C-alpha atoms as a PDB file:
ATOM      1  CA  MET A   1      -0.910 -48.651  11.659  1.00  0.00           C
ATOM      2  CA  SER A   2       2.144 -47.352  13.706  1.00  0.00           C
ATOM      3  CA  GLU A   3       2.377 -43.640  15.021  1.00  0.00           C
ATOM      4  CA  VAL A   4       2.633 -40.608  12.759  1.00  0.00           C
ATOM      5  CA  LYS A   5       4.905 -37.796  13.592  1.00  0.00           C
ATOM      6  CA  GLN A   6       7.289 -35.285  11.941  1.00  0.00           C
ATOM      7  CA  VAL A   7      10.714 -35.073  12.963  1.00  0.00           C
ATOM      8  CA  ILE A   8      12.951 -31.866  12.524  1.00  0.00           C
ATOM      9  CA  ILE A   9      16.438 -31.924  12.380  1.00  0.00           C
ATOM     10  CA  VAL A  10      18.433 -29.111  12.547  1.00  0.00           C
ATOM     11  CA  ARG A  11      22.452 -28.213  12.319  1.00  0.00           C
ATOM     12  CA  LYS A  12      23.891 -27.131  15.890  1.00  0.00           C
ATOM     13  CA  ASP A  13      27.061 -25.847  13.829  1.00  0.00           C
ATOM     14  CA  LEU A  14      25.095 -22.536  12.900  1.00  0.00           C
ATOM     15  CA  ASP A  15      24.936 -19.698  14.845  1.00  0.00           C
ATOM     16  CA  MET A  16      21.264 -18.889  14.257  1.00  0.00           C
ATOM     17  CA  GLY A  17      19.374 -16.512  16.459  1.00  0.00           C
ATOM     18  CA  THR A  18      16.355 -17.703  18.318  1.00  0.00           C
ATOM     19  CA  GLY A  19      13.925 -16.212  15.925  1.00  0.00           C
ATOM     20  CA  LYS A  20      15.888 -18.046  12.759  1.00  0.00           C
ATOM     21  CA  LEU A  21      15.936 -21.362  14.621  1.00  0.00           C
ATOM     22  CA  ALA A  22      12.184 -21.060  14.931  1.00  0.00           C
ATOM     23  CA  ALA A  23      11.612 -19.810  11.034  1.00  0.00           C
ATOM     24  CA  GLN A  24      14.145 -22.479   9.821  1.00  0.00           C
ATOM     25  CA  CYS A  25      11.815 -25.159  11.668  1.00  0.00           C
ATOM     26  CA  CYS A  26       8.781 -23.950  10.717  1.00  0.00           C
ATOM     27  CA  HIS A  27      10.213 -24.134   6.892  1.00  0.00           C
ATOM     28  CA  GLY A  28      11.343 -27.701   7.649  1.00  0.00           C
ATOM     29  CA  SER A  29       7.644 -28.870   8.925  1.00  0.00           C
ATOM     30  CA  VAL A  30       5.780 -27.409   5.983  1.00  0.00           C
ATOM     31  CA  LEU A  31       8.054 -28.746   3.608  1.00  0.00           C
ATOM     32  CA  GLY A  32       8.167 -32.125   4.959  1.00  0.00           C
ATOM     33  CA  PHE A  33       4.322 -32.123   5.137  1.00  0.00           C
ATOM     34  CA  LEU A  34       4.096 -31.091   1.483  1.00  0.00           C
ATOM     35  CA  GLU A  35       6.244 -34.155   0.826  1.00  0.00           C
ATOM     36  CA  ALA A  36       4.191 -36.451   2.806  1.00  0.00           C
ATOM     37  CA  GLU A  37       1.050 -35.141   1.316  1.00  0.00           C
ATOM     38  CA  LYS A  38       2.748 -35.838  -2.021  1.00  0.00           C
ATOM     39  CA  THR A  39       3.613 -39.493  -1.560  1.00  0.00           C
ATOM     40  CA  ASP A  40       0.711 -40.582   1.188  1.00  0.00           C
ATOM     41  CA  GLU A  41      -2.311 -38.428   1.745  1.00  0.00           C
ATOM     42  CA  LYS A  42      -3.914 -40.355   3.916  1.00  0.00           C
ATOM     43  CA  ILE A  43      -0.754 -40.306   6.517  1.00  0.00           C
ATOM     44  CA  ALA A  44      -0.631 -36.999   6.036  1.00  0.00           C
ATOM     45  CA  ARG A  45      -4.209 -36.030   6.932  1.00  0.00           C
ATOM     46  CA  GLU A  46      -3.846 -38.497   9.796  1.00  0.00           C
ATOM     47  CA  TRP A  47      -1.060 -36.579  11.219  1.00  0.00           C
ATOM     48  CA  LEU A  48      -3.178 -33.258  10.844  1.00  0.00           C
ATOM     49  CA  ASP A  49      -5.986 -34.982  12.966  1.00  0.00           C
ATOM     50  CA  ALA A  50      -4.059 -36.538  15.434  1.00  0.00           C
ATOM     51  CA  GLY A  51      -2.446 -33.216  16.762  1.00  0.00           C
ATOM     52  CA  GLN A  52       0.492 -33.111  14.561  1.00  0.00           C
ATOM     53  CA  LYS A  53       3.573 -34.520  16.672  1.00  0.00           C
ATOM     54  CA  LYS A  54       6.885 -32.733  16.074  1.00  0.00           C
ATOM     55  CA  ILE A  55      10.178 -34.099  17.453  1.00  0.00           C
ATOM     56  CA  VAL A  56      13.050 -31.566  16.994  1.00  0.00           C
ATOM     57  CA  LEU A  57      16.621 -33.125  16.848  1.00  0.00           C
ATOM     58  CA  LYS A  58      20.329 -31.960  16.149  1.00  0.00           C
ATOM     59  CA  VAL A  59      23.091 -32.815  14.147  1.00  0.00           C
ATOM     60  CA  ASP A  60      26.649 -31.730  14.425  1.00  0.00           C
ATOM     61  CA  ASP A  61      27.163 -30.031  11.008  1.00  0.00           C
ATOM     62  CA  GLU A  62      25.903 -30.344   7.132  1.00  0.00           C
ATOM     63  CA  ALA A  63      27.611 -33.387   6.406  1.00  0.00           C
ATOM     64  CA  ALA A  64      25.404 -35.116   8.750  1.00  0.00           C
ATOM     65  CA  LEU A  65      22.446 -33.473   7.431  1.00  0.00           C
ATOM     66  CA  ILE A  66      22.919 -34.447   4.271  1.00  0.00           C
ATOM     67  CA  LYS A  67      23.676 -38.239   5.311  1.00  0.00           C
ATOM     68  CA  LEU A  68      20.167 -38.644   6.801  1.00  0.00           C
ATOM     69  CA  TYR A  69      18.390 -36.980   3.773  1.00  0.00           C
ATOM     70  CA  LYS A  70      19.861 -39.318   1.527  1.00  0.00           C
ATOM     71  CA  ALA A  71      19.084 -42.337   3.973  1.00  0.00           C
ATOM     72  CA  TYR A  72      15.262 -41.254   4.323  1.00  0.00           C
ATOM     73  CA  GLN A  73      14.935 -40.355   0.576  1.00  0.00           C
ATOM     74  CA  PHE A  74      16.555 -44.147  -0.149  1.00  0.00           C
ATOM     75  CA  LYS A  75      13.941 -45.305   1.764  1.00  0.00           C
ATOM     76  CA  LYS A  76      11.261 -43.336   0.191  1.00  0.00           C
ATOM     77  CA  ILE A  77      10.449 -41.545   3.453  1.00  0.00           C
ATOM     78  CA  PRO A  78       9.221 -38.017   2.498  1.00  0.00           C
ATOM     79  CA  CYS A  79      11.545 -35.276   3.824  1.00  0.00           C
ATOM     80  CA  ALA A  80      13.026 -32.024   2.414  1.00  0.00           C
ATOM     81  CA  LEU A  81      16.051 -29.772   3.240  1.00  0.00           C
ATOM     82  CA  VAL A  82      15.900 -26.344   4.146  1.00  0.00           C
ATOM     83  CA  ASN A  83      18.514 -23.699   2.140  1.00  0.00           C
ATOM     84  CA  ASP A  84      18.467 -20.622   3.638  1.00  0.00           C
ATOM     85  CA  ALA A  85      17.583 -17.305   1.418  1.00  0.00           C
ATOM     86  CA  GLY A  86      20.456 -15.519   2.642  1.00  0.00           C
ATOM     87  CA  LEU A  87      18.687 -12.553   3.528  1.00  0.00           C
ATOM     88  CA  THR A  88      19.526 -12.111   7.322  1.00  0.00           C
ATOM     89  CA  GLN A  89      21.890 -14.179   9.401  1.00  0.00           C
ATOM     90  CA  LEU A  90      23.299 -16.652   6.837  1.00  0.00           C
ATOM     91  CA  PRO A  91      24.709 -16.688   3.228  1.00  0.00           C
ATOM     92  CA  ALA A  92      22.574 -17.899   0.526  1.00  0.00           C
ATOM     93  CA  GLY A  93      22.327 -21.512   0.077  1.00  0.00           C
ATOM     94  CA  THR A  94      23.215 -22.667   3.526  1.00  0.00           C
ATOM     95  CA  THR A  95      21.535 -25.944   4.411  1.00  0.00           C
ATOM     96  CA  THR A  96      19.844 -25.426   7.859  1.00  0.00           C
ATOM     97  CA  VAL A  97      17.106 -28.544   8.613  1.00  0.00           C
ATOM     98  CA  LEU A  98      15.769 -31.274   7.392  1.00  0.00           C
ATOM     99  CA  GLY A  99      12.199 -32.195   7.742  1.00  0.00           C
ATOM    100  CA  VAL A 100      11.227 -35.726   7.883  1.00  0.00           C
ATOM    101  CA  GLY A 101       7.565 -36.746   7.346  1.00  0.00           C
ATOM    102  CA  PRO A 102       4.973 -36.576   8.571  1.00  0.00           C
ATOM    103  CA  TRP A 103       5.420 -40.424   8.337  1.00  0.00           C
ATOM    104  CA  LYS A 104       5.303 -43.745  10.292  1.00  0.00           C
ATOM    105  CA  SER A 105       7.406 -43.434  13.475  1.00  0.00           C
ATOM    106  CA  ASP A 106       9.016 -46.631  13.281  1.00  0.00           C
ATOM    107  CA  GLU A 107      10.321 -46.029   9.864  1.00  0.00           C
ATOM    108  CA  ILE A 108      11.269 -42.424  11.028  1.00  0.00           C
ATOM    109  CA  ASP A 109      13.144 -43.837  13.619  1.00  0.00           C
ATOM    110  CA  GLN A 110      15.533 -46.108  11.667  1.00  0.00           C
ATOM    111  CA  PHE A 111      17.753 -43.348  10.939  1.00  0.00           C
ATOM    112  CA  SER A 112      16.871 -40.698  14.039  1.00  0.00           C
ATOM    113  CA  LYS A 113      16.583 -42.883  17.173  1.00  0.00           C
ATOM    114  CA  GLY A 114      20.521 -41.974  17.988  1.00  0.00           C
ATOM    115  CA  LEU A 115      20.140 -38.191  17.849  1.00  0.00           C
ATOM    116  CA  LYS A 116      19.548 -35.528  20.940  1.00  0.00           C
ATOM    117  CA  LEU A 117      16.770 -33.417  21.248  1.00  0.00           C
ATOM    118  CA  LEU A 118      17.349 -30.284  20.170  1.00  0.00           C
END
């Protein structure tokens, strides 16, 4: 079986403070994990047991994030978008992060390999 990892993809066009950015990434990680667990509990457990590898990447804007989300959904790779509640720095409903997996690295990399680290 291929390596299992999780990828968190962040919009770099939003002016989020460090704490806000960290919180949004955490939301993406949890939501992605829950989707993966529903899809294949064995892969989710393998990721937990292997140290929970995560990589945080960036995209330019919401359109790029949504395009990736749709591509992962089409390939049936578990993923989840994070929409902010609007209580602090961003308007309610702002899409901030895409959590992908945990899932098989080679499948995640189909769409993320060209993205830069945050």
